[in-house]
């Protein structure tokens, strides 16, 4: 799991391409590690996801903030979670809110608004984004894939020519004009051998102003579970 941290104050916005706290130059004789080094990092092999905070700003001062996150890596990033911490005018911590996306494809941006739910007047905020740089997925066939606006959700049929019972996690994203609008994830642990799996993945709105599901692109990911 990697963590990216940023700081913002009321009315401030982060310049595109910057995503870490700006501070004094490090002292080469200071043995302590830098404060903003990503936590729990380990070497990965192959392409990885890399999520950056490109922009953020107040939409309504003290109430709603908007964030632009982008996966600038070469592979999907798994379980992207944005945590926002709120502070009052005296610098007291007064609570936090968060939003998550099960997967963020490479070279894809996520525009999300976070509304403060704390019972105090908010003056400033800081926070961080956590993500898995490697998202495990498997290439499985799909015969059909449709949007059901009434659920809302995505339905499909996956033919599984396997000689034993199968457990699968299915994750889906929908897009409108290139922006992620809805996401969903389900797990089925007991799919019989050599059968077709008909599935329905309920969706939750994760971005955009329209509640209807974006239908210009659907990204579906399967992960075989041990």
Protein backbone atom coordinates (compact mmCIF):
# COMPACT_ATOMS: atom_id res chain seq x y z
CA UNK A 1 0.00 0.00 0.00
CA UNK A 2 1.30 3.45 -0.92
CA UNK A 3 0.29 6.78 0.59
CA UNK A 4 0.43 10.26 -0.93
CA UNK A 5 -0.07 13.23 1.38
CA UNK A 6 -1.01 16.85 0.68
CA UNK A 7 -2.05 19.94 2.62
CA UNK A 8 -4.59 22.62 1.75
CA UNK A 9 -6.11 25.59 3.51
CA UNK A 10 -9.35 27.47 2.96
CA UNK A 11 -9.46 28.87 -0.55
CA UNK A 12 -6.18 27.25 -1.61
CA UNK A 13 -5.68 24.93 -4.58
CA UNK A 14 -2.86 22.57 -5.47
CA UNK A 15 -0.99 23.23 -8.69
CA UNK A 16 -1.30 20.48 -11.28
CA UNK A 17 1.50 17.94 -10.99
CA UNK A 18 2.26 18.66 -7.33
CA UNK A 19 1.05 16.28 -4.68
CA UNK A 20 3.19 16.52 -1.59
CA UNK A 21 3.75 18.95 1.24
CA UNK A 22 6.29 21.61 0.44
CA UNK A 23 8.80 22.18 3.20
CA UNK A 24 12.44 23.10 3.83
CA UNK A 25 15.21 21.26 2.01
CA UNK A 26 16.28 18.11 3.89
CA UNK A 27 19.43 18.18 6.01
CA UNK A 28 21.86 15.56 4.61
CA UNK A 29 23.25 15.01 8.13
CA UNK A 30 19.80 14.38 9.67
CA UNK A 31 19.32 10.59 10.11
CA UNK A 32 15.56 10.88 10.35
CA UNK A 33 13.55 9.84 7.23
CA UNK A 34 11.64 12.52 5.32
CA UNK A 35 8.11 13.06 6.64
CA UNK A 36 6.36 12.52 3.31
CA UNK A 37 7.96 9.30 2.08
CA UNK A 38 5.28 6.81 0.99
CA UNK A 39 4.53 4.32 3.74
CA UNK A 40 4.81 0.53 3.56
CA UNK A 41 6.40 0.55 0.13
CA UNK A 42 8.05 -2.53 -1.32
CA UNK A 43 9.58 -3.25 -4.72
CA UNK A 44 7.08 -4.33 -7.39
CA UNK A 45 7.77 -6.23 -10.58
CA UNK A 46 6.14 -5.30 -13.86
CA UNK A 47 3.88 -2.31 -14.60
CA UNK A 48 2.33 -0.61 -11.57
CA UNK A 49 -0.32 1.98 -10.82
CA UNK A 50 0.74 5.36 -9.44
CA UNK A 51 -1.99 7.69 -8.15
CA UNK A 52 -1.28 11.41 -7.82
CA UNK A 53 -3.38 14.28 -6.48
CA UNK A 54 -3.46 16.71 -9.39
CA UNK A 55 -5.79 19.42 -8.05
CA UNK A 56 -8.03 20.25 -5.12
CA UNK A 57 -10.04 23.26 -4.06
CA UNK A 58 -13.00 24.40 -2.02
CA UNK A 59 -16.27 24.21 -3.97
CA UNK A 60 -18.15 25.69 -1.02
CA UNK A 61 -15.79 27.21 1.56
CA UNK A 62 -15.82 25.24 4.78
CA UNK A 63 -18.22 22.62 3.42
CA UNK A 64 -17.40 20.87 0.11
CA UNK A 65 -14.00 20.22 -1.47
CA UNK A 66 -13.30 18.86 -4.94
CA UNK A 67 -10.32 16.63 -5.76
CA UNK A 68 -8.78 15.44 -8.99
CA UNK A 69 -6.82 12.19 -8.67
CA UNK A 70 -5.00 10.61 -11.60
CA UNK A 71 -3.36 7.24 -12.14
CA UNK A 72 -0.22 8.22 -14.05
CA UNK A 73 1.14 4.67 -13.92
CA UNK A 74 1.12 1.92 -16.54
CA UNK A 75 -1.26 -0.48 -14.76
CA UNK A 76 -4.51 -0.30 -12.78
CA UNK A 77 -4.23 0.86 -9.15
CA UNK A 78 -6.33 -1.08 -6.67
CA UNK A 79 -8.53 0.26 -3.83
CA UNK A 80 -7.89 3.99 -4.11
CA UNK A 81 -9.00 5.72 -0.91
CA UNK A 82 -9.01 9.47 -0.37
CA UNK A 83 -9.13 10.55 3.30
CA UNK A 84 -9.80 14.20 4.13
CA UNK A 85 -9.13 15.55 7.63
CA UNK A 86 -10.92 18.72 8.76
CA UNK A 87 -9.68 21.45 11.12
CA UNK A 88 -11.30 24.49 12.71
CA UNK A 89 -9.96 28.07 12.74
CA UNK A 90 -7.79 27.28 15.79
CA UNK A 91 -6.17 24.29 14.12
CA UNK A 92 -8.13 21.73 16.14
CA UNK A 93 -8.81 18.44 14.38
CA UNK A 94 -12.59 18.02 14.15
CA UNK A 95 -13.09 14.85 12.10
CA UNK A 96 -12.63 13.25 8.70
CA UNK A 97 -14.46 11.95 5.64
CA UNK A 98 -13.35 9.60 2.91
CA UNK A 99 -14.24 8.14 -0.49
CA UNK A 100 -12.99 4.99 -2.21
CA UNK A 101 -12.75 3.51 -5.68
CA UNK A 102 -12.12 -0.25 -6.08
CA UNK A 103 -9.79 0.27 -9.05
CA UNK A 104 -8.47 3.19 -11.12
CA UNK A 105 -7.27 2.30 -14.66
CA UNK A 106 -3.96 3.65 -15.98
CA UNK A 107 -3.96 7.15 -17.46
CA UNK A 108 -7.42 7.75 -15.98
CA UNK A 109 -8.59 10.56 -13.70
CA UNK A 110 -11.16 10.53 -10.89
CA UNK A 111 -12.95 13.80 -10.06
CA UNK A 112 -14.65 13.57 -6.65
CA UNK A 113 -16.34 15.97 -4.24
CA UNK A 114 -16.00 15.44 -0.49
CA UNK A 115 -18.54 17.08 1.79
CA UNK A 116 -17.69 17.70 5.44
CA UNK A 117 -19.92 15.74 7.81
CA UNK A 118 -18.41 17.11 11.02
CA UNK A 119 -20.59 19.09 13.49
CA UNK A 120 -18.22 22.08 13.63
CA UNK A 121 -17.32 24.94 11.30
CA UNK A 122 -14.46 23.87 9.05
CA UNK A 123 -11.64 26.28 8.26
CA UNK A 124 -9.02 24.10 6.58
CA UNK A 125 -8.26 20.53 5.61
CA UNK A 126 -5.47 18.14 4.85
CA UNK A 127 -5.43 14.49 3.93
CA UNK A 128 -3.91 11.69 1.92
CA UNK A 129 -4.64 9.09 -0.74
CA UNK A 130 -3.84 5.40 -0.31
CA UNK A 131 -3.73 2.84 -3.12
CA UNK A 132 -2.43 -0.57 -4.07
CA UNK A 133 0.12 -0.15 -6.90
CA UNK A 134 -0.65 -3.65 -8.19
CA UNK A 135 -4.20 -4.77 -8.93
CA UNK A 136 -4.51 -8.53 -9.48
CA UNK A 137 -6.77 -9.35 -12.43
CA UNK A 138 -7.45 -12.26 -14.76
CA UNK A 139 -8.44 -12.32 -18.42
CA UNK A 140 -11.83 -14.07 -18.58
CA UNK A 141 -14.30 -14.04 -21.49
CA UNK A 142 -17.58 -12.11 -21.38
CA UNK A 143 -20.46 -12.85 -23.77
CA UNK A 144 -22.60 -9.83 -22.93
CA UNK A 145 -22.34 -6.67 -20.86
CA UNK A 146 -25.26 -4.27 -20.38
CA UNK A 147 -26.26 -1.36 -18.17
CA UNK A 148 -29.46 -1.63 -16.15
CA UNK A 149 -30.48 1.91 -15.16
CA UNK A 150 -33.29 0.63 -12.92
CA UNK A 151 -31.02 -1.11 -10.39
CA UNK A 152 -28.65 0.67 -11.22
CA UNK A 153 -26.07 -1.88 -12.20
CA UNK A 154 -24.18 -3.76 -14.88
CA UNK A 155 -25.28 -7.23 -16.01
CA UNK A 156 -23.33 -9.77 -18.00
CA UNK A 157 -22.62 -13.42 -18.74
CA UNK A 158 -19.17 -14.97 -18.34
CA UNK A 159 -18.63 -18.49 -19.76
CA UNK A 160 -16.33 -20.34 -17.39
CA UNK A 161 -14.79 -23.46 -18.90
CA UNK A 162 -13.10 -24.58 -15.70
CA UNK A 163 -12.84 -28.06 -14.23
CA UNK A 164 -13.52 -27.08 -10.62
CA UNK A 165 -15.63 -24.72 -8.54
CA UNK A 166 -14.53 -21.11 -9.03
CA UNK A 167 -14.46 -18.01 -6.81
CA UNK A 168 -14.37 -14.65 -8.60
CA UNK A 169 -14.33 -10.98 -7.65
CA UNK A 170 -15.82 -8.75 -10.36
CA UNK A 171 -15.23 -4.98 -10.44
CA UNK A 172 -16.78 -2.52 -12.86
CA UNK A 173 -16.40 1.19 -13.64
CA UNK A 174 -18.57 3.29 -15.95
CA UNK A 175 -17.54 6.53 -17.66
CA UNK A 176 -19.19 9.59 -19.12
CA UNK A 177 -17.10 11.87 -21.37
CA UNK A 178 -13.98 10.15 -20.08
CA UNK A 179 -14.76 10.68 -16.37
CA UNK A 180 -15.48 7.89 -13.89
CA UNK A 181 -19.12 8.17 -12.79
CA UNK A 182 -20.07 4.87 -11.12
CA UNK A 183 -18.32 1.86 -9.60
CA UNK A 184 -19.29 -1.52 -8.20
CA UNK A 185 -17.77 -4.75 -6.95
CA UNK A 186 -19.13 -8.20 -6.08
CA UNK A 187 -17.64 -11.54 -5.01
CA UNK A 188 -19.07 -14.97 -5.89
CA UNK A 189 -17.40 -17.83 -4.06
CA UNK A 190 -19.17 -20.94 -5.43
CA UNK A 191 -19.51 -20.90 -9.22
CA UNK A 192 -19.93 -24.53 -10.43
CA UNK A 193 -17.47 -26.05 -12.87
CA UNK A 194 -18.01 -25.72 -16.64
CA UNK A 195 -20.90 -23.28 -16.53
CA UNK A 196 -21.93 -19.77 -17.52
CA UNK A 197 -22.02 -17.18 -14.74
CA UNK A 198 -24.76 -14.57 -15.11
CA UNK A 199 -23.98 -11.66 -12.83
CA UNK A 200 -25.35 -8.32 -11.69
CA UNK A 201 -23.00 -5.73 -10.20
CA UNK A 202 -24.86 -2.92 -8.36
CA UNK A 203 -23.31 0.50 -8.95
CA UNK A 204 -22.70 3.49 -6.71
CA UNK A 205 -22.15 7.01 -8.00
CA UNK A 206 -18.54 8.06 -7.36
CA UNK A 207 -18.28 11.16 -9.55
CA UNK A 208 -20.07 13.47 -11.94
CA UNK A 209 -23.20 15.56 -11.53
CA UNK A 210 -25.67 13.21 -13.23
CA UNK A 211 -27.14 10.27 -11.31
CA UNK A 212 -27.72 8.27 -14.53
CA UNK A 213 -25.00 5.79 -15.39
CA UNK A 214 -22.43 6.89 -17.94
CA UNK A 215 -22.65 4.63 -20.98
CA UNK A 216 -19.81 5.70 -23.24
CA UNK A 217 -17.38 3.19 -21.70
CA UNK A 218 -17.46 0.25 -19.28
CA UNK A 219 -14.34 -1.21 -17.66
CA UNK A 220 -14.78 -4.74 -16.23
CA UNK A 221 -12.14 -6.56 -14.20
CA UNK A 222 -12.17 -10.19 -12.99
CA UNK A 223 -9.95 -11.55 -10.23
CA UNK A 224 -9.82 -15.28 -9.53
CA UNK A 225 -9.77 -15.92 -5.78
CA UNK A 226 -7.81 -18.72 -4.17
